[in-house]
Amino acid sequence: MMAIEPPEPNPERDRLTEIIAHCEKRVRRAGEKFRSAGAEQFEAIGALQTAKQRLADWQAANPDPQGSLLEGLSHV
């Protein structure tokens, strides 16, 4: 039975293998950042909607007295 010999050293193949490993690592990191950004965006949208609703609720509970005066004058 013959022993399997390792491939001969080949600097170009080794360089390409390193580039592939580097690219795969970049793809994984980019995917992690993408998922993290999606979660952050989801949370930010929720916070924005909550803040807008709180402002609308506050404005409904605290009507602008100037606005009511102007509305009263426009009916005269």
PDB file of N, CA and C in Angstrom:
ATOM      1  N   MET A   1       0.844  -1.171   0.000  1.00  0.00           N
ATOM      2  CA  MET A   1       0.000   0.000   0.000  1.00  0.00           C
ATOM      3  C   MET A   1       0.895   1.241   0.000  1.00  0.00           C
ATOM      4  N   MET A   2       0.568   2.180  -0.891  1.00  0.00           N
ATOM      5  CA  MET A   2       1.387   3.393  -0.998  1.00  0.00           C
ATOM      6  C   MET A   2       0.853   4.467  -0.067  1.00  0.00           C
ATOM      7  N   ALA A   3       1.780   5.173   0.512  1.00  0.00           N
ATOM      8  CA  ALA A   3       1.399   6.292   1.371  1.00  0.00           C
ATOM      9  C   ALA A   3       0.987   7.463   0.495  1.00  0.00           C
ATOM     10  N   ILE A   4      -0.001   8.187   0.968  1.00  0.00           N
ATOM     11  CA  ILE A   4      -0.437   9.376   0.233  1.00  0.00           C
ATOM     12  C   ILE A   4       0.536  10.500   0.545  1.00  0.00           C
ATOM     13  N   GLU A   5       1.072  11.032  -0.505  1.00  0.00           N
ATOM     14  CA  GLU A   5       2.047  12.105  -0.316  1.00  0.00           C
ATOM     15  C   GLU A   5       1.338  13.455  -0.276  1.00  0.00           C
ATOM     16  N   PRO A   6       1.831  14.352   0.567  1.00  0.00           N
ATOM     17  CA  PRO A   6       1.219  15.687   0.617  1.00  0.00           C
ATOM     18  C   PRO A   6       1.484  16.416  -0.696  1.00  0.00           C
ATOM     19  N   PRO A   7       0.595  17.326  -1.029  1.00  0.00           N
ATOM     20  CA  PRO A   7       0.809  18.061  -2.270  1.00  0.00           C
ATOM     21  C   PRO A   7       2.090  18.896  -2.187  1.00  0.00           C
ATOM     22  N   GLU A   8       2.662  19.102  -3.330  1.00  0.00           N
ATOM     23  CA  GLU A   8       3.884  19.904  -3.356  1.00  0.00           C
ATOM     24  C   GLU A   8       3.552  21.336  -2.945  1.00  0.00           C
ATOM     25  N   PRO A   9       4.517  21.986  -2.295  1.00  0.00           N
ATOM     26  CA  PRO A   9       4.286  23.386  -1.923  1.00  0.00           C
ATOM     27  C   PRO A   9       3.977  24.217  -3.175  1.00  0.00           C
ATOM     28  N   ASN A  10       2.980  25.043  -3.044  1.00  0.00           N
ATOM     29  CA  ASN A  10       2.590  25.888  -4.158  1.00  0.00           C
ATOM     30  C   ASN A  10       2.166  27.239  -3.585  1.00  0.00           C
ATOM     31  N   PRO A  11       3.038  28.240  -3.651  1.00  0.00           N
ATOM     32  CA  PRO A  11       2.740  29.543  -3.037  1.00  0.00           C
ATOM     33  C   PRO A  11       1.454  30.182  -3.570  1.00  0.00           C
ATOM     34  N   GLU A  12       1.164  30.039  -4.843  1.00  0.00           N
ATOM     35  CA  GLU A  12      -0.048  30.649  -5.416  1.00  0.00           C
ATOM     36  C   GLU A  12      -1.301  30.001  -4.826  1.00  0.00           C
ATOM     37  N   ARG A  13      -1.306  28.657  -4.750  1.00  0.00           N
ATOM     38  CA  ARG A  13      -2.448  27.951  -4.162  1.00  0.00           C
ATOM     39  C   ARG A  13      -2.609  28.338  -2.700  1.00  0.00           C
ATOM     40  N   ASP A  14      -1.497  28.405  -1.958  1.00  0.00           N
ATOM     41  CA  ASP A  14      -1.557  28.773  -0.545  1.00  0.00           C
ATOM     42  C   ASP A  14      -2.098  30.192  -0.367  1.00  0.00           C
ATOM     43  N   ARG A  15      -1.665  31.104  -1.243  1.00  0.00           N
ATOM     44  CA  ARG A  15      -2.138  32.487  -1.169  1.00  0.00           C
ATOM     45  C   ARG A  15      -3.639  32.557  -1.445  1.00  0.00           C
ATOM     46  N   LEU A  16      -4.088  31.819  -2.451  1.00  0.00           N
ATOM     47  CA  LEU A  16      -5.513  31.804  -2.778  1.00  0.00           C
ATOM     48  C   LEU A  16      -6.336  31.179  -1.654  1.00  0.00           C
ATOM     49  N   THR A  17      -5.806  30.149  -1.025  1.00  0.00           N
ATOM     50  CA  THR A  17      -6.496  29.525   0.109  1.00  0.00           C
ATOM     51  C   THR A  17      -6.631  30.508   1.263  1.00  0.00           C
ATOM     52  N   GLU A  18      -5.589  31.284   1.518  1.00  0.00           N
ATOM     53  CA  GLU A  18      -5.647  32.304   2.576  1.00  0.00           C
ATOM     54  C   GLU A  18      -6.664  33.387   2.229  1.00  0.00           C
ATOM     55  N   ILE A  19      -6.694  33.795   0.972  1.00  0.00           N
ATOM     56  CA  ILE A  19      -7.664  34.814   0.552  1.00  0.00           C
ATOM     57  C   ILE A  19      -9.086  34.306   0.753  1.00  0.00           C
ATOM     58  N   ILE A  20      -9.321  33.048   0.403  1.00  0.00           N
ATOM     59  CA  ILE A  20     -10.655  32.467   0.579  1.00  0.00           C
ATOM     60  C   ILE A  20     -11.036  32.453   2.058  1.00  0.00           C
ATOM     61  N   ALA A  21     -10.113  32.039   2.922  1.00  0.00           N
ATOM     62  CA  ALA A  21     -10.388  32.013   4.362  1.00  0.00           C
ATOM     63  C   ALA A  21     -10.692  33.415   4.879  1.00  0.00           C
ATOM     64  N   HIS A  22      -9.947  34.395   4.403  1.00  0.00           N
ATOM     65  CA  HIS A  22     -10.175  35.786   4.808  1.00  0.00           C
ATOM     66  C   HIS A  22     -11.560  36.255   4.339  1.00  0.00           C
ATOM     67  N   CYS A  23     -11.913  35.950   3.101  1.00  0.00           N
ATOM     68  CA  CYS A  23     -13.217  36.344   2.562  1.00  0.00           C
ATOM     69  C   CYS A  23     -14.365  35.680   3.327  1.00  0.00           C
ATOM     70  N   GLU A  24     -14.196  34.406   3.670  1.00  0.00           N
ATOM     71  CA  GLU A  24     -15.237  33.710   4.435  1.00  0.00           C
ATOM     72  C   GLU A  24     -15.429  34.364   5.800  1.00  0.00           C
ATOM     73  N   LYS A  25     -14.324  34.763   6.426  1.00  0.00           N
ATOM     74  CA  LYS A  25     -14.410  35.438   7.723  1.00  0.00           C
ATOM     75  C   LYS A  25     -15.136  36.774   7.581  1.00  0.00           C
ATOM     76  N   ARG A  26     -14.823  37.521   6.523  1.00  0.00           N
ATOM     77  CA  ARG A  26     -15.495  38.802   6.271  1.00  0.00           C
ATOM     78  C   ARG A  26     -16.995  38.604   6.068  1.00  0.00           C
ATOM     79  N   VAL A  27     -17.357  37.567   5.329  1.00  0.00           N
ATOM     80  CA  VAL A  27     -18.777  37.286   5.076  1.00  0.00           C
ATOM     81  C   VAL A  27     -19.487  36.974   6.395  1.00  0.00           C
ATOM     82  N   ARG A  28     -18.860  36.182   7.254  1.00  0.00           N
ATOM     83  CA  ARG A  28     -19.472  35.864   8.558  1.00  0.00           C
ATOM     84  C   ARG A  28     -19.644  37.118   9.400  1.00  0.00           C
ATOM     85  N   ARG A  29     -18.586  37.954   9.457  1.00  0.00           N
ATOM     86  CA  ARG A  29     -18.674  39.185  10.246  1.00  0.00           C
ATOM     87  C   ARG A  29     -19.744  40.118   9.692  1.00  0.00           C
ATOM     88  N   ALA A  30     -19.811  40.245   8.381  1.00  0.00           N
ATOM     89  CA  ALA A  30     -20.819  41.106   7.756  1.00  0.00           C
ATOM     90  C   ALA A  30     -22.223  40.598   8.075  1.00  0.00           C
ATOM     91  N   GLY A  31     -22.413  39.282   8.064  1.00  0.00           N
ATOM     92  CA  GLY A  31     -23.716  38.710   8.410  1.00  0.00           C
ATOM     93  C   GLY A  31     -24.101  39.020   9.847  1.00  0.00           C
ATOM     94  N   GLU A  32     -23.133  38.927  10.750  1.00  0.00           N
ATOM     95  CA  GLU A  32     -23.396  39.246  12.158  1.00  0.00           C
ATOM     96  C   GLU A  32     -23.771  40.721  12.306  1.00  0.00           C
ATOM     97  N   LYS A  33     -23.034  41.596  11.628  1.00  0.00           N
ATOM     98  CA  LYS A  33     -23.336  43.029  11.690  1.00  0.00           C
ATOM     99  C   LYS A  33     -24.711  43.319  11.090  1.00  0.00           C
ATOM    100  N   PHE A  34     -25.035  42.645   9.997  1.00  0.00           N
ATOM    101  CA  PHE A  34     -26.323  42.841   9.341  1.00  0.00           C
ATOM    102  C   PHE A  34     -27.471  42.449  10.271  1.00  0.00           C
ATOM    103  N   ARG A  35     -27.340  41.290  10.916  1.00  0.00           N
ATOM    104  CA  ARG A  35     -28.383  40.850  11.847  1.00  0.00           C
ATOM    105  C   ARG A  35     -28.487  41.795  13.034  1.00  0.00           C
ATOM    106  N   SER A  36     -27.355  42.256  13.536  1.00  0.00           N
ATOM    107  CA  SER A  36     -27.351  43.188  14.659  1.00  0.00           C
ATOM    108  C   SER A  36     -28.008  44.512  14.267  1.00  0.00           C
ATOM    109  N   ALA A  37     -27.689  44.989  13.074  1.00  0.00           N
ATOM    110  CA  ALA A  37     -28.283  46.249  12.599  1.00  0.00           C
ATOM    111  C   ALA A  37     -29.789  46.092  12.426  1.00  0.00           C
ATOM    112  N   GLY A  38     -30.234  44.945  11.957  1.00  0.00           N
ATOM    113  CA  GLY A  38     -31.670  44.706  11.808  1.00  0.00           C
ATOM    114  C   GLY A  38     -32.378  44.743  13.148  1.00  0.00           C
ATOM    115  N   ALA A  39     -31.775  44.142  14.156  1.00  0.00           N
ATOM    116  CA  ALA A  39     -32.365  44.162  15.501  1.00  0.00           C
ATOM    117  C   ALA A  39     -32.382  45.579  16.052  1.00  0.00           C
ATOM    118  N   GLU A  40     -31.302  46.327  15.830  1.00  0.00           N
ATOM    119  CA  GLU A  40     -31.242  47.710  16.305  1.00  0.00           C
ATOM    120  C   GLU A  40     -32.299  48.561  15.599  1.00  0.00           C
ATOM    121  N   GLN A  41     -32.461  48.361  14.298  1.00  0.00           N
ATOM    122  CA  GLN A  41     -33.462  49.119  13.553  1.00  0.00           C
ATOM    123  C   GLN A  41     -34.862  48.792  14.069  1.00  0.00           C
ATOM    124  N   PHE A  42     -35.141  47.528  14.321  1.00  0.00           N
ATOM    125  CA  PHE A  42     -36.444  47.120  14.845  1.00  0.00           C
ATOM    126  C   PHE A  42     -36.727  47.812  16.176  1.00  0.00           C
ATOM    127  N   GLU A  43     -35.726  47.839  17.068  1.00  0.00           N
ATOM    128  CA  GLU A  43     -35.890  48.500  18.365  1.00  0.00           C
ATOM    129  C   GLU A  43     -36.071  50.003  18.192  1.00  0.00           C
ATOM    130  N   ALA A  44     -35.313  50.607  17.273  1.00  0.00           N
ATOM    131  CA  ALA A  44     -35.413  52.050  17.048  1.00  0.00           C
ATOM    132  C   ALA A  44     -36.789  52.435  16.504  1.00  0.00           C
ATOM    133  N   ILE A  45     -37.315  51.626  15.599  1.00  0.00           N
ATOM    134  CA  ILE A  45     -38.654  51.895  15.056  1.00  0.00           C
ATOM    135  C   ILE A  45     -39.692  51.817  16.173  1.00  0.00           C
ATOM    136  N   GLY A  46     -39.562  50.833  17.026  1.00  0.00           N
ATOM    137  CA  GLY A  46     -40.482  50.712  18.163  1.00  0.00           C
ATOM    138  C   GLY A  46     -40.399  51.910  19.089  1.00  0.00           C
ATOM    139  N   ALA A  47     -39.181  52.369  19.376  1.00  0.00           N
ATOM    140  CA  ALA A  47     -39.006  53.536  20.250  1.00  0.00           C
ATOM    141  C   ALA A  47     -39.588  54.785  19.595  1.00  0.00           C
ATOM    142  N   LEU A  48     -39.390  54.936  18.295  1.00  0.00           N
ATOM    143  CA  LEU A  48     -39.933  56.087  17.572  1.00  0.00           C
ATOM    144  C   LEU A  48     -41.457  56.077  17.615  1.00  0.00           C
ATOM    145  N   GLN A  49     -42.057  54.928  17.354  1.00  0.00           N
ATOM    146  CA  GLN A  49     -43.520  54.833  17.388  1.00  0.00           C
ATOM    147  C   GLN A  49     -44.070  55.127  18.781  1.00  0.00           C
ATOM    148  N   THR A  50     -43.397  54.612  19.803  1.00  0.00           N
ATOM    149  CA  THR A  50     -43.819  54.864  21.181  1.00  0.00           C
ATOM    150  C   THR A  50     -43.736  56.353  21.503  1.00  0.00           C
ATOM    151  N   ALA A  51     -42.630  57.000  21.113  1.00  0.00           N
ATOM    152  CA  ALA A  51     -42.459  58.430  21.391  1.00  0.00           C
ATOM    153  C   ALA A  51     -43.511  59.257  20.656  1.00  0.00           C
ATOM    154  N   LYS A  52     -43.791  58.918  19.406  1.00  0.00           N
ATOM    155  CA  LYS A  52     -44.812  59.651  18.649  1.00  0.00           C
ATOM    156  C   LYS A  52     -46.186  59.492  19.292  1.00  0.00           C
ATOM    157  N   GLN A  53     -46.483  58.279  19.746  1.00  0.00           N
ATOM    158  CA  GLN A  53     -47.779  58.045  20.393  1.00  0.00           C
ATOM    159  C   GLN A  53     -47.870  58.806  21.703  1.00  0.00           C
ATOM    160  N   ARG A  54     -46.779  58.837  22.465  1.00  0.00           N
ATOM    161  CA  ARG A  54     -46.783  59.583  23.730  1.00  0.00           C
ATOM    162  C   ARG A  54     -47.000  61.069  23.478  1.00  0.00           C
ATOM    163  N   LEU A  55     -46.370  61.616  22.420  1.00  0.00           N
ATOM    164  CA  LEU A  55     -46.569  63.023  22.083  1.00  0.00           C
ATOM    165  C   LEU A  55     -48.020  63.268  21.676  1.00  0.00           C
ATOM    166  N   ALA A  56     -48.583  62.389  20.852  1.00  0.00           N
ATOM    167  CA  ALA A  56     -49.980  62.541  20.438  1.00  0.00           C
ATOM    168  C   ALA A  56     -50.910  62.486  21.649  1.00  0.00           C
ATOM    169  N   ASP A  57     -50.646  61.559  22.570  1.00  0.00           N
ATOM    170  CA  ASP A  57     -51.452  61.463  23.790  1.00  0.00           C
ATOM    171  C   ASP A  57     -51.319  62.728  24.626  1.00  0.00           C
ATOM    172  N   TRP A  58     -50.094  63.245  24.751  1.00  0.00           N
ATOM    173  CA  TRP A  58     -49.861  64.453  25.535  1.00  0.00           C
ATOM    174  C   TRP A  58     -50.586  65.634  24.899  1.00  0.00           C
ATOM    175  N   GLN A  59     -50.490  65.757  23.572  1.00  0.00           N
ATOM    176  CA  GLN A  59     -51.153  66.863  22.890  1.00  0.00           C
ATOM    177  C   GLN A  59     -52.667  66.779  23.033  1.00  0.00           C
ATOM    178  N   ALA A  60     -53.214  65.568  23.021  1.00  0.00           N
ATOM    179  CA  ALA A  60     -54.658  65.398  23.205  1.00  0.00           C
ATOM    180  C   ALA A  60     -55.064  65.791  24.620  1.00  0.00           C
ATOM    181  N   ALA A  61     -54.219  65.497  25.603  1.00  0.00           N
ATOM    182  CA  ALA A  61     -54.533  65.820  26.995  1.00  0.00           C
ATOM    183  C   ALA A  61     -54.230  67.280  27.337  1.00  0.00           C
ATOM    184  N   ASN A  62     -53.392  67.932  26.536  1.00  0.00           N
ATOM    185  CA  ASN A  62     -52.987  69.315  26.791  1.00  0.00           C
ATOM    186  C   ASN A  62     -53.160  70.149  25.519  1.00  0.00           C
ATOM    187  N   PRO A  63     -54.403  70.441  25.158  1.00  0.00           N
ATOM    188  CA  PRO A  63     -54.612  71.183  23.922  1.00  0.00           C
ATOM    189  C   PRO A  63     -53.974  72.569  23.999  1.00  0.00           C
ATOM    190  N   ASP A  64     -53.555  73.066  22.844  1.00  0.00           N
ATOM    191  CA  ASP A  64     -52.914  74.378  22.745  1.00  0.00           C
ATOM    192  C   ASP A  64     -53.976  75.467  22.891  1.00  0.00           C
ATOM    193  N   PRO A  65     -53.867  76.329  23.935  1.00  0.00           N
ATOM    194  CA  PRO A  65     -54.882  77.374  24.115  1.00  0.00           C
ATOM    195  C   PRO A  65     -54.889  78.356  22.938  1.00  0.00           C
ATOM    196  N   GLN A  66     -53.767  78.606  22.316  1.00  0.00           N
ATOM    197  CA  GLN A  66     -53.723  79.487  21.161  1.00  0.00           C
ATOM    198  C   GLN A  66     -54.516  78.901  20.007  1.00  0.00           C
ATOM    199  N   GLY A  67     -54.397  77.613  19.835  1.00  0.00           N
ATOM    200  CA  GLY A  67     -55.130  76.942  18.766  1.00  0.00           C
ATOM    201  C   GLY A  67     -56.630  77.084  18.951  1.00  0.00           C
ATOM    202  N   SER A  68     -57.124  76.955  20.168  1.00  0.00           N
ATOM    203  CA  SER A  68     -58.554  77.051  20.406  1.00  0.00           C
ATOM    204  C   SER A  68     -59.046  78.483  20.212  1.00  0.00           C
ATOM    205  N   LEU A  69     -58.197  79.483  20.547  1.00  0.00           N
ATOM    206  CA  LEU A  69     -58.580  80.878  20.321  1.00  0.00           C
ATOM    207  C   LEU A  69     -58.699  81.162  18.822  1.00  0.00           C
ATOM    208  N   LEU A  70     -57.759  80.677  18.065  1.00  0.00           N
ATOM    209  CA  LEU A  70     -57.793  80.898  16.618  1.00  0.00           C
ATOM    210  C   LEU A  70     -58.991  80.200  15.983  1.00  0.00           C
ATOM    211  N   GLU A  71     -59.310  79.004  16.469  1.00  0.00           N
ATOM    212  CA  GLU A  71     -60.467  78.297  15.936  1.00  0.00           C
ATOM    213  C   GLU A  71     -61.739  79.080  16.249  1.00  0.00           C
ATOM    214  N   GLY A  72     -61.825  79.663  17.439  1.00  0.00           N
ATOM    215  CA  GLY A  72     -62.980  80.447  17.827  1.00  0.00           C
ATOM    216  C   GLY A  72     -63.116  81.694  16.974  1.00  0.00           C
ATOM    217  N   LEU A  73     -61.993  82.344  16.640  1.00  0.00           N
ATOM    218  CA  LEU A  73     -62.035  83.554  15.833  1.00  0.00           C
ATOM    219  C   LEU A  73     -62.419  83.263  14.389  1.00  0.00           C
ATOM    220  N   SER A  74     -62.071  82.130  13.892  1.00  0.00           N
ATOM    221  CA  SER A  74     -62.341  81.823  12.474  1.00  0.00           C
ATOM    222  C   SER A  74     -63.841  81.589  12.252  1.00  0.00           C
ATOM    223  N   HIS A  75     -64.589  81.329  13.296  1.00  0.00           N
ATOM    224  CA  HIS A  75     -66.031  81.083  13.135  1.00  0.00           C
ATOM    225  C   HIS A  75     -66.819  82.377  13.263  1.00  0.00           C
ATOM    226  N   VAL A  76     -66.154  83.490  13.489  1.00  0.00           N
ATOM    227  CA  VAL A  76     -66.852  84.780  13.691  1.00  0.00           C
ATOM    228  C   VAL A  76     -67.188  85.416  12.373  1.00  0.00           C
TER     229      VAL A  76
END
